[in-house]
Every structure is written in C-alpha cells, then in structure tokens.
Amino acid sequence: MLGVWAFATFTTEAPGWIHGLLTVGVFLLIYRIVVKGKVKE
C-alpha cells in the first residue's frame, strides 16, 4: 500500500484520495507492530 502511494505521488499529480493510502498504510504498520508486541507477553 505504501509502495502504491509512493509510486503515484512521485510519478503523477496525485489526487487527494491517494494520500489516504499513506494514512491507512501507516496505521496498518503501527497496528501490526502493536499486536505483535502484545502476543509475545
């Protein structure tokens, strides 16, 4: 998802909804790190 955002942002004039991919991608990355941390405890 972050790769698609980066490609679209740097190669085209990205519309506003493309930046939603950045928001969702970062959220999922942080969520995954938090969930993995809780499983080890």
PDB file of N, CA and C in Angstrom:
ATOM      1  N   MET A   1       0.830  -1.181   0.000  1.00  0.00           N
ATOM      2  CA  MET A   1       0.000   0.000   0.000  1.00  0.00           C
ATOM      3  C   MET A   1       0.880   1.254   0.000  1.00  0.00           C
ATOM      4  N   LEU A   2       1.907   1.229   0.830  1.00  0.00           N
ATOM      5  CA  LEU A   2       2.792   2.394   0.871  1.00  0.00           C
ATOM      6  C   LEU A   2       3.579   2.532  -0.433  1.00  0.00           C
ATOM      7  N   GLY A   3       3.879   1.397  -1.041  1.00  0.00           N
ATOM      8  CA  GLY A   3       4.571   1.432  -2.324  1.00  0.00           C
ATOM      9  C   GLY A   3       3.715   2.052  -3.420  1.00  0.00           C
ATOM     10  N   VAL A   4       2.432   1.704  -3.438  1.00  0.00           N
ATOM     11  CA  VAL A   4       1.491   2.280  -4.416  1.00  0.00           C
ATOM     12  C   VAL A   4       1.382   3.784  -4.197  1.00  0.00           C
ATOM     13  N   TRP A   5       1.289   4.197  -2.928  1.00  0.00           N
ATOM     14  CA  TRP A   5       1.207   5.628  -2.624  1.00  0.00           C
ATOM     15  C   TRP A   5       2.451   6.360  -3.120  1.00  0.00           C
ATOM     16  N   ALA A   6       3.626   5.806  -2.812  1.00  0.00           N
ATOM     17  CA  ALA A   6       4.872   6.459  -3.220  1.00  0.00           C
ATOM     18  C   ALA A   6       4.963   6.562  -4.741  1.00  0.00           C
ATOM     19  N   PHE A   7       4.632   5.480  -5.438  1.00  0.00           N
ATOM     20  CA  PHE A   7       4.683   5.493  -6.897  1.00  0.00           C
ATOM     21  C   PHE A   7       3.748   6.549  -7.475  1.00  0.00           C
ATOM     22  N   ALA A   8       2.495   6.569  -6.988  1.00  0.00           N
ATOM     23  CA  ALA A   8       1.512   7.510  -7.515  1.00  0.00           C
ATOM     24  C   ALA A   8       1.875   8.954  -7.185  1.00  0.00           C
ATOM     25  N   THR A   9       2.426   9.175  -6.008  1.00  0.00           N
ATOM     26  CA  THR A   9       2.762  10.539  -5.593  1.00  0.00           C
ATOM     27  C   THR A   9       3.926  11.097  -6.402  1.00  0.00           C
ATOM     28  N   PHE A  10       4.947  10.290  -6.636  1.00  0.00           N
ATOM     29  CA  PHE A  10       6.147  10.799  -7.289  1.00  0.00           C
ATOM     30  C   PHE A  10       6.112  10.725  -8.804  1.00  0.00           C
ATOM     31  N   THR A  11       5.164   9.984  -9.381  1.00  0.00           N
ATOM     32  CA  THR A  11       5.133   9.872 -10.841  1.00  0.00           C
ATOM     33  C   THR A  11       3.945  10.598 -11.470  1.00  0.00           C
ATOM     34  N   THR A  12       2.949  10.959 -10.670  1.00  0.00           N
ATOM     35  CA  THR A  12       1.776  11.634 -11.231  1.00  0.00           C
ATOM     36  C   THR A  12       1.392  12.810 -10.350  1.00  0.00           C
ATOM     37  N   GLU A  13       0.417  13.566 -10.797  1.00  0.00           N
ATOM     38  CA  GLU A  13      -0.191  14.582  -9.945  1.00  0.00           C
ATOM     39  C   GLU A  13      -1.286  13.875  -9.173  1.00  0.00           C
ATOM     40  N   ALA A  14      -0.930  13.384  -8.003  1.00  0.00           N
ATOM     41  CA  ALA A  14      -1.823  12.516  -7.235  1.00  0.00           C
ATOM     42  C   ALA A  14      -3.024  13.287  -6.690  1.00  0.00           C
ATOM     43  N   PRO A  15      -4.228  12.738  -6.884  1.00  0.00           N
ATOM     44  CA  PRO A  15      -5.412  13.352  -6.281  1.00  0.00           C
ATOM     45  C   PRO A  15      -5.402  13.138  -4.764  1.00  0.00           C
ATOM     46  N   GLY A  16      -6.270  13.819  -4.065  1.00  0.00           N
ATOM     47  CA  GLY A  16      -6.298  13.775  -2.613  1.00  0.00           C
ATOM     48  C   GLY A  16      -6.499  12.397  -2.025  1.00  0.00           C
ATOM     49  N   TRP A  17      -7.316  11.562  -2.674  1.00  0.00           N
ATOM     50  CA  TRP A  17      -7.605  10.248  -2.090  1.00  0.00           C
ATOM     51  C   TRP A  17      -6.383   9.343  -2.085  1.00  0.00           C
ATOM     52  N   ILE A  18      -5.416   9.607  -2.939  1.00  0.00           N
ATOM     53  CA  ILE A  18      -4.182   8.812  -2.958  1.00  0.00           C
ATOM     54  C   ILE A  18      -3.459   8.945  -1.613  1.00  0.00           C
ATOM     55  N   HIS A  19      -3.531  10.131  -1.010  1.00  0.00           N
ATOM     56  CA  HIS A  19      -2.849  10.346   0.262  1.00  0.00           C
ATOM     57  C   HIS A  19      -3.546   9.586   1.399  1.00  0.00           C
ATOM     58  N   GLY A  20      -4.767   9.157   1.178  1.00  0.00           N
ATOM     59  CA  GLY A  20      -5.442   8.280   2.133  1.00  0.00           C
ATOM     60  C   GLY A  20      -4.724   6.940   2.242  1.00  0.00           C
ATOM     61  N   LEU A  21      -4.097   6.497   1.155  1.00  0.00           N
ATOM     62  CA  LEU A  21      -3.317   5.259   1.189  1.00  0.00           C
ATOM     63  C   LEU A  21      -2.156   5.381   2.169  1.00  0.00           C
ATOM     64  N   LEU A  22      -1.542   6.563   2.226  1.00  0.00           N
ATOM     65  CA  LEU A  22      -0.455   6.782   3.176  1.00  0.00           C
ATOM     66  C   LEU A  22      -0.974   6.658   4.601  1.00  0.00           C
ATOM     67  N   THR A  23      -2.110   7.283   4.867  1.00  0.00           N
ATOM     68  CA  THR A  23      -2.698   7.240   6.205  1.00  0.00           C
ATOM     69  C   THR A  23      -3.030   5.807   6.607  1.00  0.00           C
ATOM     70  N   VAL A  24      -3.692   5.078   5.736  1.00  0.00           N
ATOM     71  CA  VAL A  24      -4.084   3.696   6.033  1.00  0.00           C
ATOM     72  C   VAL A  24      -2.848   2.803   6.152  1.00  0.00           C
ATOM     73  N   GLY A  25      -1.879   2.987   5.287  1.00  0.00           N
ATOM     74  CA  GLY A  25      -0.670   2.175   5.317  1.00  0.00           C
ATOM     75  C   GLY A  25       0.124   2.349   6.606  1.00  0.00           C
ATOM     76  N   VAL A  26       0.277   3.588   7.049  1.00  0.00           N
ATOM     77  CA  VAL A  26       0.996   3.839   8.299  1.00  0.00           C
ATOM     78  C   VAL A  26       0.209   3.281   9.475  1.00  0.00           C
ATOM     79  N   PHE A  27      -1.108   3.429   9.467  1.00  0.00           N
ATOM     80  CA  PHE A  27      -1.937   2.876  10.535  1.00  0.00           C
ATOM     81  C   PHE A  27      -1.759   1.367  10.628  1.00  0.00           C
ATOM     82  N   LEU A  28      -1.824   0.684   9.491  1.00  0.00           N
ATOM     83  CA  LEU A  28      -1.685  -0.779   9.499  1.00  0.00           C
ATOM     84  C   LEU A  28      -0.300  -1.211   9.973  1.00  0.00           C
ATOM     85  N   LEU A  29       0.720  -0.463   9.590  1.00  0.00           N
ATOM     86  CA  LEU A  29       2.079  -0.786  10.026  1.00  0.00           C
ATOM     87  C   LEU A  29       2.201  -0.663  11.541  1.00  0.00           C
ATOM     88  N   ILE A  30       1.715   0.424  12.102  1.00  0.00           N
ATOM     89  CA  ILE A  30       1.763   0.630  13.550  1.00  0.00           C
ATOM     90  C   ILE A  30       0.905  -0.411  14.256  1.00  0.00           C
ATOM     91  N   TYR A  31      -0.266  -0.688  13.730  1.00  0.00           N
ATOM     92  CA  TYR A  31      -1.169  -1.678  14.332  1.00  0.00           C
ATOM     93  C   TYR A  31      -0.502  -3.056  14.394  1.00  0.00           C
ATOM     94  N   ARG A  32       0.162  -3.433  13.312  1.00  0.00           N
ATOM     95  CA  ARG A  32       0.827  -4.730  13.272  1.00  0.00           C
ATOM     96  C   ARG A  32       1.946  -4.824  14.308  1.00  0.00           C
ATOM     97  N   ILE A  33       2.699  -3.753  14.473  1.00  0.00           N
ATOM     98  CA  ILE A  33       3.774  -3.736  15.462  1.00  0.00           C
ATOM     99  C   ILE A  33       3.200  -3.864  16.869  1.00  0.00           C
ATOM    100  N   VAL A  34       2.113  -3.162  17.151  1.00  0.00           N
ATOM    101  CA  VAL A  34       1.497  -3.206  18.476  1.00  0.00           C
ATOM    102  C   VAL A  34       0.933  -4.596  18.768  1.00  0.00           C
ATOM    103  N   VAL A  35       0.259  -5.196  17.805  1.00  0.00           N
ATOM    104  CA  VAL A  35      -0.331  -6.516  18.003  1.00  0.00           C
ATOM    105  C   VAL A  35       0.749  -7.568  18.219  1.00  0.00           C
ATOM    106  N   LYS A  36       1.833  -7.505  17.453  1.00  0.00           N
ATOM    107  CA  LYS A  36       2.929  -8.455  17.625  1.00  0.00           C
ATOM    108  C   LYS A  36       3.552  -8.310  19.002  1.00  0.00           C
ATOM    109  N   GLY A  37       3.654  -7.105  19.514  1.00  0.00           N
ATOM    110  CA  GLY A  37       4.217  -6.865  20.824  1.00  0.00           C
ATOM    111  C   GLY A  37       3.361  -7.461  21.932  1.00  0.00           C
ATOM    112  N   LYS A  38       2.045  -7.431  21.763  1.00  0.00           N
ATOM    113  CA  LYS A  38       1.137  -7.975  22.783  1.00  0.00           C
ATOM    114  C   LYS A  38       1.145  -9.492  22.789  1.00  0.00           C
ATOM    115  N   VAL A  39       1.380 -10.127  21.662  1.00  0.00           N
ATOM    116  CA  VAL A  39       1.364 -11.584  21.580  1.00  0.00           C
ATOM    117  C   VAL A  39       2.552 -12.170  22.340  1.00  0.00           C
ATOM    118  N   LYS A  40       3.701 -11.503  22.317  1.00  0.00           N
ATOM    119  CA  LYS A  40       4.895 -12.019  22.973  1.00  0.00           C
ATOM    120  C   LYS A  40       4.787 -11.984  24.500  1.00  0.00           C
ATOM    121  N   GLU A  41       3.938 -11.139  25.044  1.00  0.00           N
ATOM    122  CA  GLU A  41       3.842 -11.010  26.503  1.00  0.00           C
ATOM    123  C   GLU A  41       3.127 -12.172  27.132  1.00  0.00           C
TER     124      GLU A  41
END
